[in-house]
Amino acid sequence: MLSFLISTVTFSVAAYAFNRFLDSHGVDSTRSRTVMVMLLATFVSIGADWAIAEFSGDAEGRQKNAAMSEALHNGDSVQILKMLAGF
């Protein structure tokens, strides 16, 4: 939940900052500018979410993927269902 809140605030701040930057350089407000600002703010927001996941230790999903591939390779249906359910 913390990651969601931080990435949402980061998106808003980044969009505001990019709009101010483009306004100061005299770029007209068009749809392509709006799309560009949204994309840049989205990338910044995703980066902030990634950073929060790395620092809080939530990024250990890569290790779970290895265990999932082992369960699929072994064919253990109970283990596969447990992993899909998130236990």
C-alpha atoms as a PDB file:
ATOM      1  CA  MET A   1       0.000   0.000   0.000  1.00  0.00           C
ATOM      2  CA  LEU A   2       2.882   2.336   0.782  1.00  0.00           C
ATOM      3  CA  SER A   3       4.337   1.679  -2.653  1.00  0.00           C
ATOM      4  CA  PHE A   4       1.014   2.571  -4.308  1.00  0.00           C
ATOM      5  CA  LEU A   5       0.729   5.840  -2.396  1.00  0.00           C
ATOM      6  CA  ILE A   6       4.302   6.875  -3.086  1.00  0.00           C
ATOM      7  CA  SER A   7       4.075   6.065  -6.790  1.00  0.00           C
ATOM      8  CA  THR A   8       0.788   7.992  -7.073  1.00  0.00           C
ATOM      9  CA  VAL A   9       2.274  11.067  -5.401  1.00  0.00           C
ATOM     10  CA  THR A  10       5.412  10.698  -7.516  1.00  0.00           C
ATOM     11  CA  PHE A  11       3.325  10.590 -10.692  1.00  0.00           C
ATOM     12  CA  SER A  12       1.507  13.802  -9.745  1.00  0.00           C
ATOM     13  CA  VAL A  13       4.691  15.643  -8.811  1.00  0.00           C
ATOM     14  CA  ALA A  14       6.516  14.470 -11.945  1.00  0.00           C
ATOM     15  CA  ALA A  15       3.624  15.477 -14.224  1.00  0.00           C
ATOM     16  CA  TYR A  16       3.493  18.906 -12.583  1.00  0.00           C
ATOM     17  CA  ALA A  17       7.272  19.338 -12.901  1.00  0.00           C
ATOM     18  CA  PHE A  18       7.333  18.276 -16.559  1.00  0.00           C
ATOM     19  CA  ASN A  19       4.447  20.631 -17.368  1.00  0.00           C
ATOM     20  CA  ARG A  20       6.219  23.526 -15.646  1.00  0.00           C
ATOM     21  CA  PHE A  21       9.445  22.708 -17.480  1.00  0.00           C
ATOM     22  CA  LEU A  22       7.729  22.629 -20.867  1.00  0.00           C
ATOM     23  CA  ASP A  23       5.815  25.832 -20.072  1.00  0.00           C
ATOM     24  CA  SER A  24       9.064  27.614 -19.232  1.00  0.00           C
ATOM     25  CA  HIS A  25      10.531  26.562 -22.592  1.00  0.00           C
ATOM     26  CA  GLY A  26       7.482  27.785 -24.486  1.00  0.00           C
ATOM     27  CA  VAL A  27       6.231  24.418 -25.758  1.00  0.00           C
ATOM     28  CA  ASP A  28       2.594  24.664 -26.851  1.00  0.00           C
ATOM     29  CA  SER A  29       0.049  22.625 -24.929  1.00  0.00           C
ATOM     30  CA  THR A  30      -1.042  19.967 -27.418  1.00  0.00           C
ATOM     31  CA  ARG A  31      -2.206  16.385 -27.162  1.00  0.00           C
ATOM     32  CA  SER A  32       1.233  15.061 -28.023  1.00  0.00           C
ATOM     33  CA  ARG A  33       2.715  17.126 -25.177  1.00  0.00           C
ATOM     34  CA  THR A  34       0.081  15.755 -22.802  1.00  0.00           C
ATOM     35  CA  VAL A  35       0.845  12.180 -23.863  1.00  0.00           C
ATOM     36  CA  MET A  36       4.575  12.803 -23.510  1.00  0.00           C
ATOM     37  CA  VAL A  37       4.133  14.247 -20.007  1.00  0.00           C
ATOM     38  CA  MET A  38       1.953  11.296 -18.993  1.00  0.00           C
ATOM     39  CA  LEU A  39       4.491   8.782 -20.311  1.00  0.00           C
ATOM     40  CA  LEU A  40       7.428  10.483 -18.610  1.00  0.00           C
ATOM     41  CA  ALA A  41       5.516  10.752 -15.336  1.00  0.00           C
ATOM     42  CA  THR A  42       4.533   7.082 -15.634  1.00  0.00           C
ATOM     43  CA  PHE A  43       8.172   6.047 -16.083  1.00  0.00           C
ATOM     44  CA  VAL A  44       9.199   8.107 -13.053  1.00  0.00           C
ATOM     45  CA  SER A  45       6.357   6.570 -11.042  1.00  0.00           C
ATOM     46  CA  ILE A  46       7.358   3.043 -12.060  1.00  0.00           C
ATOM     47  CA  GLY A  47      10.947   3.856 -11.092  1.00  0.00           C
ATOM     48  CA  ALA A  48       9.817   5.063  -7.676  1.00  0.00           C
ATOM     49  CA  ASP A  49       7.756   1.898  -7.214  1.00  0.00           C
ATOM     50  CA  TRP A  50      10.745  -0.235  -8.160  1.00  0.00           C
ATOM     51  CA  ALA A  51      12.997   1.663  -5.731  1.00  0.00           C
ATOM     52  CA  ILE A  52      10.513   1.210  -2.881  1.00  0.00           C
ATOM     53  CA  ALA A  53      10.249  -2.512  -3.660  1.00  0.00           C
ATOM     54  CA  GLU A  54      14.034  -2.891  -3.701  1.00  0.00           C
ATOM     55  CA  PHE A  55      14.612  -1.048  -0.432  1.00  0.00           C
ATOM     56  CA  SER A  56      11.743  -2.667   1.447  1.00  0.00           C
ATOM     57  CA  GLY A  57      12.651  -6.201   0.370  1.00  0.00           C
ATOM     58  CA  ASP A  58       9.502  -6.828  -1.656  1.00  0.00           C
ATOM     59  CA  ALA A  59      11.533  -7.490  -4.774  1.00  0.00           C
ATOM     60  CA  GLU A  60      12.222 -11.076  -3.746  1.00  0.00           C
ATOM     61  CA  GLY A  61       9.655 -12.274  -6.262  1.00  0.00           C
ATOM     62  CA  ARG A  62      12.459 -13.388  -8.551  1.00  0.00           C
ATOM     63  CA  GLN A  63      13.354 -16.103  -6.091  1.00  0.00           C
ATOM     64  CA  LYS A  64       9.720 -17.239  -5.992  1.00  0.00           C
ATOM     65  CA  ASN A  65       9.728 -17.540  -9.792  1.00  0.00           C
ATOM     66  CA  ALA A  66      12.603 -20.012  -9.566  1.00  0.00           C
ATOM     67  CA  ALA A  67      10.635 -22.104  -7.069  1.00  0.00           C
ATOM     68  CA  MET A  68       7.598 -21.915  -9.356  1.00  0.00           C
ATOM     69  CA  SER A  69       9.608 -23.218 -12.305  1.00  0.00           C
ATOM     70  CA  GLU A  70      10.884 -26.081 -10.139  1.00  0.00           C
ATOM     71  CA  ALA A  71       7.319 -26.957  -9.099  1.00  0.00           C
ATOM     72  CA  LEU A  72       6.205 -26.888 -12.734  1.00  0.00           C
ATOM     73  CA  HIS A  73       9.143 -29.042 -13.756  1.00  0.00           C
ATOM     74  CA  ASN A  74       8.392 -31.589 -11.019  1.00  0.00           C
ATOM     75  CA  GLY A  75       4.692 -31.604 -11.870  1.00  0.00           C
ATOM     76  CA  ASP A  76       3.585 -31.312  -8.233  1.00  0.00           C
ATOM     77  CA  SER A  77       0.036 -29.998  -8.663  1.00  0.00           C
ATOM     78  CA  VAL A  78      -0.454 -29.215  -4.955  1.00  0.00           C
ATOM     79  CA  GLN A  79       2.716 -27.116  -4.856  1.00  0.00           C
ATOM     80  CA  ILE A  80       1.684 -25.329  -8.069  1.00  0.00           C
ATOM     81  CA  LEU A  81      -1.733 -24.480  -6.634  1.00  0.00           C
ATOM     82  CA  LYS A  82      -0.169 -23.212  -3.402  1.00  0.00           C
ATOM     83  CA  MET A  83       2.147 -20.937  -5.352  1.00  0.00           C
ATOM     84  CA  LEU A  84      -0.652 -19.647  -7.539  1.00  0.00           C
ATOM     85  CA  ALA A  85      -2.714 -18.897  -4.439  1.00  0.00           C
ATOM     86  CA  GLY A  86       0.234 -17.033  -2.917  1.00  0.00           C
ATOM     87  CA  PHE A  87       0.870 -19.197   0.134  1.00  0.00           C
END
